[in-house]
């Protein structure tokens, strides 16, 4: 992927694959037989879609960071370095339209999981309009926490952890209607300490709901290091709630995909009866601040060695190296001995994909800026669509 020194973390500016790190990346996909089978069943189209999803996610964040530097917006919450923990899980879900007209599976992302929005089908332009507060944004200018119910995206609540009981409610509706559908949400390592997280997990466990909760352990909560507020393994919570769960490499998009695919198939009953919920742990790292306003403080929170360690594990760079140095021909789908011609062919295909996604995001940014110049909401609209009333429903039914 093209690097952008003005916006990327410094560890990404001249990124090159570390052979040892890449070796561990490959080995991770071979350790578990069930995961290995799922990964080997993937074809070129799916492999390329993972790549495009992460690139789209990264470029969305770079656009926001550029806007902050230009003064277009004042702040942005980014997921740089954590793209695989979002893109892999979303691609493990069923994103087809269900009989009720909505997406089959639902996601409830945190704002740092913005990639879930575009991979569930939301236009990047609409996502960017949300930050600009335009009248034609998904929230009509009210909030930058956006979603699209028809596409299966529940808009985030700014109090992280609150979406667990909300997603549990969605999963409860699936179970009540005996529908083979799944709800997925993420929480940060810090928000796993919040009361709603525990209440939602306990309710989902007691009712055996088709819910997947991912603890996205990026090692820090706001500006507080993990070791300052947590001891032990997050997987110990699976025993506390009486649920299944496992850990995956949050910087390995294929491991993330396989981990969630296994849980989703079991939760929807594809493997012998409905079961759930599942509590998964994604080990990853936040390569910036809580938001763009405190990136310098974030650099002071951890040692440079830790940033260097995770910098070598850029999820996009590693996946690109895995594909270009592997034996899967992204053009034919055949597996063959690694060669220079195969590497060059796969690299060309990935470059073409990156160029398409880059053009897509650039068009989306321009469309959003046009909306900011011409489609800002009027003050009077603040009172529209806020409340529902039985009187209004009665009038509608009378044809008035």
Protein backbone atom coordinates (compact mmCIF):
# COMPACT_ATOMS: atom_id res chain seq x y z
CA UNK A 1 0.00 0.00 0.00
CA UNK A 2 1.13 3.55 -0.71
CA UNK A 3 2.39 5.20 2.47
CA UNK A 4 1.56 8.76 3.51
CA UNK A 5 4.25 10.10 5.88
CA UNK A 6 2.18 13.19 6.71
CA UNK A 7 -0.67 11.06 8.06
CA UNK A 8 0.63 7.54 8.76
CA UNK A 9 2.32 6.61 12.06
CA UNK A 10 6.10 7.04 11.62
CA UNK A 11 6.55 3.26 11.91
CA UNK A 12 4.50 2.84 8.72
CA UNK A 13 6.23 5.49 6.60
CA UNK A 14 8.94 3.18 5.21
CA UNK A 15 7.27 -0.10 6.07
CA UNK A 16 8.75 -3.37 4.84
CA UNK A 17 7.85 -6.90 5.98
CA UNK A 18 9.95 -8.39 8.76
CA UNK A 19 10.60 -12.04 7.76
CA UNK A 20 10.19 -13.31 11.31
CA UNK A 21 6.93 -11.42 11.87
CA UNK A 22 5.60 -12.59 8.51
CA UNK A 23 6.52 -16.15 9.43
CA UNK A 24 4.50 -15.92 12.65
CA UNK A 25 1.61 -14.44 10.62
CA UNK A 26 1.59 -17.55 8.41
CA UNK A 27 2.00 -19.95 11.32
CA UNK A 28 -0.99 -18.43 13.11
CA UNK A 29 -3.22 -19.58 10.27
CA UNK A 30 -1.98 -23.16 10.53
CA UNK A 31 -2.33 -23.76 14.26
CA UNK A 32 -6.07 -24.49 14.36
CA UNK A 33 -7.48 -27.06 11.94
CA UNK A 34 -10.92 -25.44 11.77
CA UNK A 35 -9.47 -22.02 11.01
CA UNK A 36 -7.02 -23.48 8.51
CA UNK A 37 -9.85 -25.12 6.59
CA UNK A 38 -11.83 -21.87 6.42
CA UNK A 39 -8.85 -19.85 5.20
CA UNK A 40 -7.89 -22.40 2.55
CA UNK A 41 -11.47 -22.36 1.23
CA UNK A 42 -11.23 -18.64 0.41
CA UNK A 43 -10.89 -17.69 -3.25
CA UNK A 44 -9.20 -14.70 -4.91
CA UNK A 45 -12.33 -12.51 -4.86
CA UNK A 46 -12.69 -12.90 -1.11
CA UNK A 47 -8.98 -12.44 -0.48
CA UNK A 48 -8.94 -9.23 -2.52
CA UNK A 49 -12.10 -8.01 -0.78
CA UNK A 50 -10.34 -8.26 2.59
CA UNK A 51 -7.48 -6.17 1.20
CA UNK A 52 -9.77 -3.57 -0.31
CA UNK A 53 -11.75 -3.34 2.92
CA UNK A 54 -8.67 -2.58 5.00
CA UNK A 55 -7.32 -0.09 2.45
CA UNK A 56 -10.73 1.62 2.34
CA UNK A 57 -10.74 1.76 6.14
CA UNK A 58 -7.21 3.24 6.27
CA UNK A 59 -7.96 5.83 3.57
CA UNK A 60 -11.19 6.84 5.30
CA UNK A 61 -9.14 7.57 8.42
CA UNK A 62 -6.42 9.37 6.46
CA UNK A 63 -9.10 11.59 4.90
CA UNK A 64 -10.35 12.54 8.36
CA UNK A 65 -6.82 13.20 9.61
CA UNK A 66 -6.15 15.39 6.57
CA UNK A 67 -9.33 17.35 7.26
CA UNK A 68 -8.21 17.94 10.85
CA UNK A 69 -4.87 19.28 9.67
CA UNK A 70 -6.66 21.49 7.12
CA UNK A 71 -9.13 22.81 9.68
CA UNK A 72 -12.17 21.24 7.99
CA UNK A 73 -12.99 19.36 11.20
CA UNK A 74 -11.63 19.75 14.72
CA UNK A 75 -11.13 16.13 15.71
CA UNK A 76 -11.40 12.54 14.48
CA UNK A 77 -11.36 9.10 16.10
CA UNK A 78 -9.21 6.72 14.09
CA UNK A 79 -8.63 2.98 13.90
CA UNK A 80 -5.18 3.06 12.33
CA UNK A 81 -3.44 -0.25 12.95
CA UNK A 82 -6.66 -1.99 14.01
CA UNK A 83 -8.28 -2.44 10.60
CA UNK A 84 -8.05 -6.24 10.59
CA UNK A 85 -10.02 -6.50 13.86
CA UNK A 86 -12.93 -4.82 12.06
CA UNK A 87 -12.74 -5.97 8.43
CA UNK A 88 -12.14 -9.68 9.08
CA UNK A 89 -15.12 -10.09 11.43
CA UNK A 90 -17.52 -8.20 9.15
CA UNK A 91 -16.61 -10.39 6.18
CA UNK A 92 -17.37 -13.46 8.31
CA UNK A 93 -21.03 -12.39 8.55
CA UNK A 94 -23.98 -12.82 6.20
CA UNK A 95 -24.44 -9.42 4.57
CA UNK A 96 -27.28 -10.43 2.23
CA UNK A 97 -30.75 -8.89 2.44
CA UNK A 98 -33.12 -10.85 4.70
CA UNK A 99 -36.86 -11.37 4.04
CA UNK A 100 -37.70 -8.38 6.24
CA UNK A 101 -35.77 -6.09 3.90
CA UNK A 102 -32.85 -5.52 6.27
CA UNK A 103 -29.39 -7.04 6.25
CA UNK A 104 -29.31 -10.62 7.53
CA UNK A 105 -26.68 -10.10 10.24
CA UNK A 106 -26.26 -6.91 12.27
CA UNK A 107 -23.19 -5.10 13.60
CA UNK A 108 -22.90 -2.53 16.35
CA UNK A 109 -19.49 -0.89 15.83
CA UNK A 110 -17.59 1.50 18.04
CA UNK A 111 -16.58 4.72 16.29
CA UNK A 112 -13.09 3.19 15.91
CA UNK A 113 -14.71 0.37 13.88
CA UNK A 114 -15.79 2.72 11.09
CA UNK A 115 -14.70 0.11 8.56
CA UNK A 116 -17.72 -1.97 9.57
CA UNK A 117 -19.97 0.71 8.09
CA UNK A 118 -18.56 0.68 4.55
CA UNK A 119 -18.08 -3.08 4.51
CA UNK A 120 -21.76 -3.51 5.42
CA UNK A 121 -22.61 -1.37 2.39
CA UNK A 122 -22.75 2.22 3.64
CA UNK A 123 -21.25 4.72 1.14
CA UNK A 124 -18.00 6.28 2.34
CA UNK A 125 -19.41 9.68 1.34
CA UNK A 126 -22.23 9.25 3.86
CA UNK A 127 -19.74 8.30 6.56
CA UNK A 128 -17.70 11.44 5.88
CA UNK A 129 -20.84 13.58 5.76
CA UNK A 130 -21.51 12.39 9.30
CA UNK A 131 -18.31 14.09 10.45
CA UNK A 132 -19.25 17.27 8.59
CA UNK A 133 -22.78 17.36 10.05
CA UNK A 134 -24.57 17.85 6.75
CA UNK A 135 -28.30 17.64 6.20
CA UNK A 136 -27.86 14.68 3.86
CA UNK A 137 -25.72 12.66 6.33
CA UNK A 138 -27.26 9.54 7.90
CA UNK A 139 -28.06 11.48 11.09
CA UNK A 140 -29.15 14.63 9.20
CA UNK A 141 -26.38 16.57 10.90
CA UNK A 142 -27.20 15.61 14.46
CA UNK A 143 -24.35 13.24 15.28
CA UNK A 144 -21.17 11.73 13.84
CA UNK A 145 -22.06 8.33 15.33
CA UNK A 146 -23.70 6.96 12.22
CA UNK A 147 -25.43 3.77 11.17
CA UNK A 148 -27.91 2.37 8.69
CA UNK A 149 -30.50 -0.08 10.01
CA UNK A 150 -31.37 -1.39 6.56
CA UNK A 151 -27.72 -2.29 6.01
CA UNK A 152 -27.47 -3.90 9.42
CA UNK A 153 -25.42 -1.16 11.11
CA UNK A 154 -26.56 0.05 14.52
CA UNK A 155 -25.30 3.58 15.13
CA UNK A 156 -22.78 3.64 18.01
CA UNK A 157 -23.51 5.13 21.41
CA UNK A 158 -20.68 7.41 22.55
CA UNK A 159 -20.57 5.64 25.94
CA UNK A 160 -18.52 2.66 24.82
CA UNK A 161 -19.85 -0.64 26.17
CA UNK A 162 -23.47 0.47 25.95
CA UNK A 163 -23.94 -1.35 22.64
CA UNK A 164 -23.61 -4.79 24.23
CA UNK A 165 -27.14 -4.78 25.73
CA UNK A 166 -28.47 -3.13 22.56
CA UNK A 167 -26.93 -5.82 20.36
CA UNK A 168 -28.21 -8.44 22.81
CA UNK A 169 -31.70 -7.05 22.26
CA UNK A 170 -31.29 -7.42 18.50
CA UNK A 171 -30.05 -10.98 18.98
CA UNK A 172 -33.05 -11.67 21.24
CA UNK A 173 -35.39 -10.63 18.42
CA UNK A 174 -33.61 -13.05 16.07
CA UNK A 175 -34.03 -15.89 18.55
CA UNK A 176 -37.67 -15.04 19.28
CA UNK A 177 -38.48 -15.19 15.56
CA UNK A 178 -36.36 -18.34 15.14
CA UNK A 179 -34.27 -16.62 12.46
CA UNK A 180 -30.72 -17.87 11.71
CA UNK A 181 -29.20 -14.41 12.16
CA UNK A 182 -26.35 -13.07 14.27
CA UNK A 183 -25.53 -9.78 15.98
CA UNK A 184 -21.91 -8.68 16.43
CA UNK A 185 -20.47 -5.86 18.50
CA UNK A 186 -17.06 -4.68 19.67
CA UNK A 187 -15.95 -3.20 22.98
CA UNK A 188 -12.57 -1.81 23.98
CA UNK A 189 -10.45 -3.32 26.71
CA UNK A 190 -11.36 -0.35 28.89
CA UNK A 191 -15.10 -0.54 28.29
CA UNK A 192 -15.08 -4.21 29.30
CA UNK A 193 -15.10 -2.75 32.82
CA UNK A 194 -18.37 -0.86 32.24
CA UNK A 195 -21.60 -2.03 33.87
CA UNK A 196 -23.63 -2.30 30.62
CA UNK A 197 -21.03 -4.68 29.18
CA UNK A 198 -21.49 -7.07 32.10
CA UNK A 199 -25.27 -6.71 32.16
CA UNK A 200 -25.52 -7.32 28.41
CA UNK A 201 -23.18 -10.32 28.49
CA UNK A 202 -24.98 -11.86 31.46
CA UNK A 203 -28.38 -11.45 29.81
CA UNK A 204 -27.13 -12.84 26.49
CA UNK A 205 -25.54 -15.81 28.26
CA UNK A 206 -28.63 -16.58 30.33
CA UNK A 207 -30.85 -16.48 27.23
CA UNK A 208 -28.31 -18.20 24.95
CA UNK A 209 -28.54 -15.45 22.34
CA UNK A 210 -26.86 -15.45 18.88
CA UNK A 211 -24.51 -12.64 19.86
CA UNK A 212 -20.78 -12.23 19.26
CA UNK A 213 -18.89 -9.74 21.41
CA UNK A 214 -15.30 -8.88 20.52
CA UNK A 215 -13.10 -7.30 23.16
CA UNK A 216 -10.77 -5.22 21.00
CA UNK A 217 -7.75 -5.14 23.27
CA UNK A 218 -5.69 -2.27 21.90
CA UNK A 219 -3.75 -1.99 25.18
CA UNK A 220 -5.11 1.38 26.32
CA UNK A 221 -8.33 3.04 27.49
CA UNK A 222 -8.33 6.73 26.57
CA UNK A 223 -4.88 7.49 28.03
CA UNK A 224 -4.68 4.72 30.62
CA UNK A 225 -2.44 1.72 29.93
CA UNK A 226 -3.92 -1.75 30.21
CA UNK A 227 -1.60 -2.74 33.06
CA UNK A 228 -2.95 0.13 35.16
CA UNK A 229 -6.52 -1.19 35.31
CA UNK A 230 -6.54 -4.87 34.31
CA UNK A 231 -4.90 -8.08 35.48
CA UNK A 232 -5.17 -11.56 34.03
CA UNK A 233 -6.69 -12.79 30.80
CA UNK A 234 -9.85 -11.43 29.23
CA UNK A 235 -10.70 -15.01 28.30
CA UNK A 236 -11.33 -15.70 31.99
CA UNK A 237 -14.62 -13.88 31.44
CA UNK A 238 -15.86 -16.81 29.36
CA UNK A 239 -15.93 -18.93 32.52
CA UNK A 240 -17.57 -16.13 34.49
CA UNK A 241 -20.46 -15.94 32.03
CA UNK A 242 -20.52 -19.59 31.04
CA UNK A 243 -19.94 -18.90 27.34
CA UNK A 244 -17.54 -20.03 24.65
CA UNK A 245 -14.73 -17.82 23.46
CA UNK A 246 -11.22 -17.62 22.11
CA UNK A 247 -8.49 -15.17 21.23
CA UNK A 248 -7.33 -14.15 17.77
CA UNK A 249 -4.62 -11.99 16.24
CA UNK A 250 -6.31 -8.63 15.77
CA UNK A 251 -3.69 -7.61 13.19
CA UNK A 252 -4.20 -10.72 11.05
CA UNK A 253 -7.33 -10.25 8.93
CA UNK A 254 -7.55 -13.94 8.04
CA UNK A 255 -7.29 -15.08 11.65
CA UNK A 256 -9.93 -12.49 12.58
CA UNK A 257 -12.21 -13.70 9.78
CA UNK A 258 -11.87 -17.37 10.72
CA UNK A 259 -12.36 -16.78 14.44
CA UNK A 260 -15.62 -14.92 13.88
CA UNK A 261 -16.82 -17.26 11.10
CA UNK A 262 -16.63 -20.20 13.48
CA UNK A 263 -18.59 -18.31 16.13
CA UNK A 264 -21.16 -17.00 13.64
CA UNK A 265 -21.83 -20.43 12.15
CA UNK A 266 -22.34 -21.92 15.59
CA UNK A 267 -24.46 -19.02 16.81
CA UNK A 268 -26.86 -19.23 13.88
CA UNK A 269 -27.21 -22.97 14.32
CA UNK A 270 -25.20 -24.08 11.30
CA UNK A 271 -23.34 -26.63 13.40
CA UNK A 272 -26.04 -28.48 15.33
CA UNK A 273 -28.47 -26.24 17.16
CA UNK A 274 -28.45 -22.58 18.11
CA UNK A 275 -25.78 -21.62 20.61
CA UNK A 276 -24.35 -18.43 21.95
CA UNK A 277 -23.22 -15.94 22.90
CA UNK A 278 -19.50 -15.92 22.07
CA UNK A 279 -16.86 -13.71 23.66
CA UNK A 280 -13.77 -13.24 21.49
CA UNK A 281 -10.59 -11.29 22.23
CA UNK A 282 -8.70 -9.43 19.50
CA UNK A 283 -5.10 -8.63 20.44
CA UNK A 284 -4.09 -5.44 18.66
CA UNK A 285 -2.68 -1.96 19.34
CA UNK A 286 -3.79 1.62 18.82
CA UNK A 287 -1.11 3.35 16.72
CA UNK A 288 -2.27 6.86 17.65
CA UNK A 289 -4.10 8.79 20.31
CA UNK A 290 -7.61 8.40 21.64
CA UNK A 291 -8.38 10.90 18.90
CA UNK A 292 -6.34 13.27 16.77
CA UNK A 293 -6.06 15.80 19.60
CA UNK A 294 -3.83 13.70 21.87
CA UNK A 295 -1.46 11.82 19.59
CA UNK A 296 1.59 13.38 21.23
CA UNK A 297 0.39 12.28 24.67
CA UNK A 298 -0.22 8.77 23.33
CA UNK A 299 3.40 8.60 22.23
CA UNK A 300 4.42 9.44 25.79
CA UNK A 301 2.12 6.80 27.31
CA UNK A 302 4.08 3.86 25.89
CA UNK A 303 7.73 3.21 25.20
CA UNK A 304 9.03 3.66 21.63
CA UNK A 305 9.84 -0.07 21.60
CA UNK A 306 6.15 -0.94 21.85
CA UNK A 307 5.27 1.28 18.91
CA UNK A 308 8.14 -0.30 16.97
CA UNK A 309 6.87 -3.80 17.87
CA UNK A 310 3.33 -3.12 16.66
CA UNK A 311 4.57 -1.00 13.76
CA UNK A 312 6.08 -4.15 12.27
CA UNK A 313 2.63 -5.71 12.50
CA UNK A 314 0.78 -3.26 10.25
CA UNK A 315 -2.27 -5.37 9.28
CA UNK A 316 -2.36 -4.07 5.70
CA UNK A 317 1.35 -4.45 5.05
CA UNK A 318 1.48 -7.97 6.49
CA UNK A 319 -1.56 -9.11 4.53
CA UNK A 320 -0.16 -7.64 1.33
CA UNK A 321 3.13 -9.47 1.91
CA UNK A 322 1.25 -12.68 2.73
CA UNK A 323 -0.60 -12.50 -0.60
CA UNK A 324 2.30 -11.43 -2.81
CA UNK A 325 4.76 -13.94 -1.33
CA UNK A 326 2.25 -16.79 -1.08
CA UNK A 327 1.30 -19.48 -3.57
CA UNK A 328 -2.27 -18.41 -4.42
CA UNK A 329 -2.63 -16.89 -7.88
CA UNK A 330 -5.03 -13.97 -7.35
CA UNK A 331 -5.87 -14.02 -11.04
CA UNK A 332 -6.73 -17.70 -11.59
CA UNK A 333 -7.36 -18.97 -8.06
CA UNK A 334 -4.85 -21.77 -8.58
CA UNK A 335 -2.09 -22.55 -6.11
CA UNK A 336 1.39 -22.90 -7.54
CA UNK A 337 4.98 -22.71 -6.49
CA UNK A 338 6.05 -19.22 -5.45
CA UNK A 339 7.93 -17.43 -8.21
CA UNK A 340 8.90 -13.96 -9.29
CA UNK A 341 6.21 -13.90 -11.98
CA UNK A 342 3.54 -14.92 -9.47
CA UNK A 343 4.64 -12.23 -7.03
CA UNK A 344 4.59 -9.58 -9.73
CA UNK A 345 1.15 -10.68 -10.95
CA UNK A 346 -0.35 -10.65 -7.46
CA UNK A 347 1.26 -7.32 -6.66
CA UNK A 348 -0.20 -5.81 -9.83
CA UNK A 349 -3.68 -7.05 -8.89
CA UNK A 350 -3.37 -5.53 -5.42
CA UNK A 351 -2.10 -2.24 -6.85
CA UNK A 352 -5.07 -2.11 -9.23
CA UNK A 353 -7.40 -2.75 -6.28
CA UNK A 354 -5.74 -0.03 -4.24
CA UNK A 355 -6.08 2.47 -7.09
CA UNK A 356 -9.81 1.70 -7.40
CA UNK A 357 -10.40 2.12 -3.68
CA UNK A 358 -8.29 5.30 -3.56
CA UNK A 359 -10.36 6.82 -6.36
CA UNK A 360 -13.55 5.74 -4.55
CA UNK A 361 -12.51 7.44 -1.29
CA UNK A 362 -11.32 10.58 -3.08
CA UNK A 363 -14.70 10.88 -4.84
CA UNK A 364 -16.46 10.30 -1.53
CA UNK A 365 -14.45 13.05 0.16
CA UNK A 366 -15.28 15.53 -2.60
CA UNK A 367 -18.97 14.62 -2.46
CA UNK A 368 -18.98 15.16 1.30
CA UNK A 369 -17.26 18.55 0.97
CA UNK A 370 -19.84 19.59 -1.64
CA UNK A 371 -22.56 18.70 0.86
CA UNK A 372 -20.79 20.78 3.51
CA UNK A 373 -20.91 23.77 1.18
CA UNK A 374 -24.51 23.36 0.09
CA UNK A 375 -26.45 20.97 2.35
CA UNK A 376 -26.04 22.12 5.93
CA UNK A 377 -29.17 21.61 8.08
CA UNK A 378 -31.41 24.54 8.96
CA UNK A 379 -31.79 25.37 12.66
CA UNK A 380 -35.51 24.54 12.49
CA UNK A 381 -34.76 20.94 11.51
CA UNK A 382 -33.31 20.23 14.97
CA UNK A 383 -36.85 19.60 16.24
CA UNK A 384 -37.88 17.32 13.37
CA UNK A 385 -37.91 13.56 13.78
CA UNK A 386 -37.04 13.68 17.46
CA UNK A 387 -40.25 12.33 18.97
CA UNK A 388 -42.88 9.85 17.82
CA UNK A 389 -46.45 10.31 18.95
CA UNK A 390 -49.52 8.09 19.03
CA UNK A 391 -51.55 11.06 17.84
CA UNK A 392 -49.38 11.33 14.73
CA UNK A 393 -49.77 7.62 14.04
CA UNK A 394 -53.55 7.88 14.47
CA UNK A 395 -53.73 10.81 12.08
CA UNK A 396 -51.68 8.88 9.54
CA UNK A 397 -54.01 5.88 9.77
CA UNK A 398 -57.02 8.20 9.21
CA UNK A 399 -55.39 9.55 6.10
CA UNK A 400 -54.97 13.05 7.56
